[in-house]
Amino acid sequence: MIHFIKRMMNLIKNMISDIMSKSYATFLPKQQLISICILTWNRSTFLEMCVDNLLGKLYYTNNVEITIMCDGENNQTDKVLEKYKENSRIRVVRNKTHIGLNAYKKLFRMLKGDYIIVIDDDVLELPSHFDKTMVEYLNLYPDYGFLALNVIQNEFTNGAKPDESHYKDDVRHDGIVQEGPAGGWCSCFRRRDYRKIRSIFNFNTLSMKQSQDGVLSGLFGKYLKLKRGIIKNAICFHASGPYYAKKFGYLKTEIEKYQSSNLPSFVEHYKTFLDK
C-alpha cells in the first residue's frame, strides 16, 4: 500500500509539473510588469512603422510599459514621437547628444519590468501577442537567459540571423528554441538575471563591434550559465541590410554609421547599393 501511494504521489507530481510547464507562462500576475524598449536615432520612418505595429500586436495591456529613447536630437524623429504623447503606456526619453549603443546602459536603468523586451527600430512587423510568447518562453525555458524572435529571410535580407548550421533545436512540449546565436532585433531577458550581471555589463564599452545583445548573452552564459537561442516559430520582419536601408532612405546614414564604427566590409557592401 505504501509503495502504491508513493507511486501515485510521484505520478501526480509529474502531472502537475507537466501542466505547469505548459500553462504557467500564460499567466502574468498583476504585480508583474513587462518593459519594452526601443533605442532610436535618425530613422523616423522605421520608428513610426515599428511602434505602430508593436502597439497593434500586444497581448498584455495593463502590465506593459514602453520606453523609447531618442539618442540625440532629430526633428523628424520628434515629429513621429509627438503622435504618441497621449498614449499613457509610452514614455519618451531624449538624449541631448548621440552616444550610440552605450545609451542602452542608461535605458536599461530606467526599466522596471520583471521581463525586458528590446526591439530594434527597424523591426517592422511583429507576430501577434509577441509579448505573451516571449514571457511564455522565458518561463518554459528557465535555463535560457536570452531569447530572440526568429526572422523572415528573403532575397533582400537574412534578418541579421546566422545560417541554420549554427543552431540545434531544443523541443519542450509545444515550444521549440533554436539554441545558438541570438541577435538583439527583438530579444528578451529577465530583469532579475540582468541585475546579477549589470555592473559587468556597464563596464563594457558598447559599439557596432561589441553590441549590447552579444555582451548580454555572453555575460548570461559566462556568469549565470544561461543559454541563448531563437524562438523558432515566432517570426518578425527585421528590415536589416542595404536593400531596405536604401528603400527607406537610410543608405548613406548606414554607410556613415559603419565608417565611424571602423567596419570596412560593411561599408563596401552597402556602397554597392548606391547606384542600384
Protein backbone atom coordinates (compact mmCIF):
# COMPACT_ATOMS: atom_id res chain seq x y z
CA MET A 1 0.00 0.00 0.00
CA ILE A 2 2.76 2.46 0.92
CA HIS A 3 4.54 1.63 -2.33
CA PHE A 4 1.30 2.26 -4.25
CA ILE A 5 0.76 5.63 -2.52
CA LYS A 6 4.31 6.70 -3.33
CA ARG A 7 3.78 5.76 -6.97
CA MET A 8 0.54 7.76 -7.09
CA MET A 9 2.17 10.76 -5.44
CA ASN A 10 5.01 10.70 -7.95
CA LEU A 11 2.51 10.40 -10.79
CA ILE A 12 0.52 13.40 -9.52
CA LYS A 13 3.73 15.37 -9.01
CA ASN A 14 4.79 14.66 -12.59
CA MET A 15 1.35 15.61 -13.91
CA ILE A 16 1.42 18.92 -12.06
CA SER A 17 4.93 19.61 -13.30
CA ASP A 18 3.83 18.87 -16.87
CA ILE A 19 0.78 21.13 -16.62
CA MET A 20 2.80 23.94 -15.05
CA SER A 21 5.48 23.80 -17.71
CA LYS A 22 2.79 24.08 -20.39
CA SER A 23 0.50 26.67 -18.90
CA TYR A 24 2.18 28.62 -16.12
CA ALA A 25 3.83 31.02 -18.54
CA THR A 26 0.47 32.13 -19.95
CA PHE A 27 -0.33 33.68 -16.60
CA LEU A 28 1.21 37.04 -15.79
CA PRO A 29 0.47 38.08 -12.20
CA LYS A 30 -0.94 41.59 -11.87
CA GLN A 31 2.05 42.78 -9.90
CA GLN A 32 4.49 41.74 -12.65
CA LEU A 33 5.44 44.10 -15.45
CA ILE A 34 6.83 43.83 -18.97
CA SER A 35 9.20 46.57 -20.10
CA ILE A 36 9.52 47.10 -23.85
CA CYS A 37 12.27 49.44 -25.00
CA ILE A 38 13.44 50.91 -28.30
CA LEU A 39 16.64 52.88 -28.87
CA THR A 40 16.37 55.04 -31.97
CA TRP A 41 18.36 57.69 -33.80
CA ASN A 42 17.66 59.41 -37.09
CA ARG A 43 15.42 56.67 -38.56
CA SER A 44 11.98 58.20 -38.11
CA THR A 45 10.27 56.21 -40.89
CA PHE A 46 11.44 52.92 -39.41
CA LEU A 47 10.50 54.06 -35.92
CA GLU A 48 6.94 55.01 -36.81
CA MET A 49 6.31 51.72 -38.60
CA CYS A 50 7.86 49.78 -35.72
CA VAL A 51 5.85 51.45 -32.95
CA ASP A 52 2.55 51.38 -34.85
CA ASN A 53 2.98 47.67 -35.48
CA LEU A 54 4.08 46.99 -31.91
CA LEU A 55 1.01 48.65 -30.41
CA GLY A 56 -1.30 46.51 -32.51
CA LYS A 57 0.38 43.23 -31.60
CA LEU A 58 0.41 43.38 -27.80
CA TYR A 59 -1.43 40.79 -25.71
CA TYR A 60 -0.95 42.42 -22.32
CA THR A 61 -2.35 45.92 -21.89
CA ASN A 62 -2.18 46.92 -18.24
CA ASN A 63 1.12 45.23 -17.45
CA VAL A 64 3.27 46.85 -20.12
CA GLU A 65 5.47 49.94 -20.18
CA ILE A 66 7.07 51.13 -23.42
CA THR A 67 10.16 53.32 -23.32
CA ILE A 68 11.52 54.95 -26.48
CA MET A 69 14.92 56.58 -26.20
CA CYS A 70 15.86 59.06 -28.91
CA ASP A 71 19.65 59.09 -28.94
CA GLY A 72 20.34 62.67 -29.98
CA GLU A 73 18.23 65.49 -31.34
CA ASN A 74 16.40 64.95 -34.61
CA ASN A 75 13.41 66.97 -35.82
CA GLN A 76 11.88 64.18 -37.90
CA THR A 77 12.04 61.74 -35.00
CA ASP A 78 10.46 64.34 -32.71
CA LYS A 79 7.55 64.70 -35.14
CA VAL A 80 6.96 60.97 -35.08
CA LEU A 81 7.13 60.76 -31.31
CA GLU A 82 4.64 63.61 -30.99
CA LYS A 83 1.84 61.31 -32.19
CA TYR A 84 2.31 59.02 -29.18
CA LYS A 85 2.28 61.71 -26.47
CA GLU A 86 -1.29 60.85 -25.43
CA ASN A 87 -0.51 57.15 -25.00
CA SER A 88 -0.05 56.62 -21.26
CA ARG A 89 1.97 53.44 -21.79
CA ILE A 90 4.68 55.19 -23.81
CA ARG A 91 7.49 57.14 -22.22
CA VAL A 92 9.86 59.11 -24.44
CA VAL A 93 13.41 59.89 -23.30
CA ARG A 94 15.70 62.19 -25.27
CA ASN A 95 19.48 62.30 -25.06
CA LYS A 96 20.90 65.73 -25.84
CA THR A 97 23.87 64.19 -27.66
CA HIS A 98 24.31 60.99 -29.64
CA ILE A 99 26.14 58.39 -27.54
CA GLY A 100 25.48 55.27 -29.63
CA LEU A 101 24.88 51.82 -28.23
CA ASN A 102 26.18 52.85 -24.81
CA ALA A 103 22.80 54.55 -24.43
CA TYR A 104 21.44 51.08 -23.60
CA LYS A 105 23.12 51.33 -20.19
CA LYS A 106 21.05 54.40 -19.37
CA LEU A 107 17.95 52.91 -20.97
CA PHE A 108 18.11 49.66 -19.02
CA ARG A 109 18.46 51.57 -15.74
CA MET A 110 15.07 53.17 -16.37
CA LEU A 111 13.17 49.93 -16.87
CA LYS A 112 11.09 48.50 -14.05
CA GLY A 113 9.71 45.35 -15.64
CA ASP A 114 10.22 41.78 -14.50
CA TYR A 115 10.68 40.90 -18.17
CA ILE A 116 12.57 43.15 -20.58
CA ILE A 117 11.96 43.13 -24.33
CA VAL A 118 14.37 45.05 -26.55
CA ILE A 119 13.24 45.92 -30.08
CA ASP A 120 15.32 47.47 -32.86
CA ASP A 121 13.58 50.36 -34.62
CA ASP A 122 13.91 48.55 -37.97
CA VAL A 123 11.74 45.64 -36.86
CA LEU A 124 8.70 46.49 -38.96
CA GLU A 125 6.43 43.51 -38.35
CA LEU A 126 5.94 41.56 -35.14
CA PRO A 127 3.90 38.39 -34.60
CA SER A 128 0.59 38.78 -32.79
CA HIS A 129 0.92 38.64 -29.00
CA PHE A 130 4.71 38.59 -29.21
CA ASP A 131 4.91 39.87 -25.62
CA LYS A 132 2.94 36.90 -24.31
CA THR A 133 5.03 34.50 -26.40
CA MET A 134 8.29 35.85 -25.05
CA VAL A 135 7.14 35.64 -21.44
CA GLU A 136 5.93 32.08 -22.03
CA TYR A 137 9.26 31.01 -23.45
CA LEU A 138 11.29 32.61 -20.67
CA ASN A 139 9.22 30.56 -18.24
CA LEU A 140 9.21 27.36 -20.31
CA TYR A 141 13.00 27.58 -20.80
CA PRO A 142 14.35 28.70 -17.40
CA ASP A 143 17.88 27.61 -18.35
CA TYR A 144 17.96 30.23 -21.11
CA GLY A 145 18.83 33.83 -20.29
CA PHE A 146 18.49 35.50 -23.67
CA LEU A 147 15.88 34.71 -26.32
CA ALA A 148 15.08 36.39 -29.62
CA LEU A 149 12.29 36.10 -32.14
CA ASN A 150 13.02 34.33 -35.39
CA VAL A 151 13.27 36.47 -38.54
CA ILE A 152 12.00 36.49 -42.09
CA GLN A 153 14.79 35.67 -44.52
CA ASN A 154 14.32 36.53 -48.18
CA GLU A 155 16.32 37.60 -51.23
CA PHE A 156 16.89 41.04 -49.71
CA THR A 157 17.84 40.27 -46.10
CA ASN A 158 18.86 37.48 -43.75
CA GLY A 159 17.37 39.46 -40.87
CA ALA A 160 20.88 39.57 -39.32
CA LYS A 161 20.49 35.92 -38.29
CA PRO A 162 23.34 33.44 -38.99
CA ASP A 163 22.65 30.39 -41.15
CA GLU A 164 20.96 27.31 -39.73
CA SER A 165 24.24 25.42 -39.22
CA HIS A 166 24.76 27.49 -36.05
CA TYR A 167 21.65 26.10 -34.36
CA LYS A 168 20.16 22.97 -32.85
CA ASP A 169 16.51 22.55 -31.90
CA ASP A 170 15.57 22.32 -28.23
CA VAL A 171 11.99 20.98 -28.14
CA ARG A 172 9.89 21.17 -24.99
CA HIS A 173 6.17 20.40 -25.16
CA ASP A 174 4.80 22.79 -27.82
CA GLY A 175 7.87 25.02 -27.78
CA ILE A 176 10.95 24.99 -30.00
CA VAL A 177 14.02 27.08 -29.32
CA GLN A 178 16.96 27.07 -31.69
CA GLU A 179 19.89 27.04 -29.30
CA GLY A 180 22.60 29.29 -30.71
CA PRO A 181 23.36 32.94 -31.54
CA ALA A 182 20.50 35.31 -30.67
CA GLY A 183 20.57 38.84 -32.02
CA GLY A 184 19.07 41.91 -30.42
CA TRP A 185 16.49 42.73 -33.13
CA CYS A 186 13.66 41.62 -30.83
CA SER A 187 15.04 39.94 -27.75
CA CYS A 188 14.03 39.33 -24.17
CA PHE A 189 15.55 38.55 -20.80
CA ARG A 190 14.61 38.57 -17.13
CA ARG A 191 15.37 41.64 -15.08
CA ARG A 192 16.49 39.52 -12.14
CA ASP A 193 19.16 37.93 -14.34
CA TYR A 194 20.26 41.30 -15.72
CA ARG A 195 20.70 42.73 -12.22
CA LYS A 196 23.21 39.99 -11.44
CA ILE A 197 25.50 40.99 -14.33
CA ARG A 198 24.58 44.69 -14.57
CA SER A 199 27.82 46.08 -13.15
CA ILE A 200 29.91 43.99 -15.56
CA PHE A 201 27.66 44.97 -18.46
CA ASN A 202 28.06 48.66 -17.63
CA PHE A 203 31.84 48.23 -17.53
CA ASN A 204 31.87 47.21 -21.21
CA THR A 205 32.15 49.77 -23.99
CA LEU A 206 29.38 49.04 -26.48
CA SER A 207 29.82 49.54 -30.20
CA MET A 208 28.82 48.01 -33.53
CA LYS A 209 31.71 45.59 -33.00
CA GLN A 210 30.60 44.77 -29.45
CA SER A 211 26.86 45.33 -29.30
CA GLN A 212 24.52 45.08 -26.34
CA ASP A 213 22.98 41.77 -27.42
CA GLY A 214 26.30 39.97 -27.75
CA VAL A 215 27.58 41.34 -24.46
CA LEU A 216 24.37 40.47 -22.59
CA SER A 217 24.06 36.92 -23.90
CA GLY A 218 27.78 36.37 -23.31
CA LEU A 219 27.57 37.53 -19.70
CA PHE A 220 24.46 35.45 -19.03
CA GLY A 221 26.32 32.42 -20.31
CA LYS A 222 29.63 33.07 -18.58
CA TYR A 223 28.41 34.07 -15.12
CA LEU A 224 24.90 32.59 -14.84
CA LYS A 225 25.35 29.53 -17.09
CA LEU A 226 22.26 30.52 -19.04
CA LYS A 227 21.90 29.66 -22.71
CA ARG A 228 20.77 31.78 -25.66
CA GLY A 229 18.53 30.98 -28.59
CA ILE A 230 15.83 31.81 -31.12
CA ILE A 231 12.09 31.20 -30.63
CA LYS A 232 11.72 29.21 -33.83
CA ASN A 233 8.03 29.62 -34.64
CA ALA A 234 7.60 33.28 -33.64
CA ILE A 235 8.79 35.28 -36.62
CA CYS A 236 9.33 39.02 -37.08
CA PHE A 237 10.40 41.12 -40.04
CA HIS A 238 13.77 42.73 -39.33
CA ALA A 239 14.45 45.10 -42.24
CA SER A 240 18.22 44.90 -41.92
CA GLY A 241 20.75 45.23 -44.70
CA PRO A 242 21.47 47.67 -47.54
CA TYR A 243 18.41 46.89 -49.67
CA TYR A 244 15.93 48.11 -47.06
CA ALA A 245 18.26 50.90 -45.95
CA LYS A 246 18.10 52.26 -49.48
CA LYS A 247 14.38 51.61 -49.87
CA PHE A 248 13.58 53.69 -46.79
CA GLY A 249 16.17 56.40 -47.45
CA TYR A 250 18.82 55.49 -44.90
CA LEU A 251 21.59 54.01 -47.05
CA LYS A 252 24.03 56.93 -46.69
CA THR A 253 23.29 57.16 -42.96
CA GLU A 254 24.06 53.45 -42.53
CA ILE A 255 27.32 53.81 -44.51
CA GLU A 256 28.37 56.67 -42.23
CA LYS A 257 27.49 54.55 -39.19
CA TYR A 258 29.69 51.68 -40.31
CA GLN A 259 32.50 54.04 -41.31
CA SER A 260 32.54 55.59 -37.84
CA SER A 261 32.50 52.08 -36.35
CA ASN A 262 35.52 51.05 -38.45
CA LEU A 263 33.72 48.21 -40.20
CA PRO A 264 35.10 48.46 -43.76
CA SER A 265 33.49 45.27 -45.06
CA PHE A 266 30.04 46.60 -44.20
CA VAL A 267 30.88 49.96 -45.74
CA GLU A 268 31.92 48.41 -49.02
CA HIS A 269 28.89 46.11 -49.12
CA TYR A 270 26.48 48.98 -48.51
CA LYS A 271 28.23 51.18 -51.08
CA THR A 272 27.48 48.65 -53.81
CA PHE A 273 23.81 49.62 -53.44
CA LEU A 274 24.38 53.34 -54.05
CA ASP A 275 23.91 53.04 -57.79
CA LYS A 276 21.37 50.22 -57.83
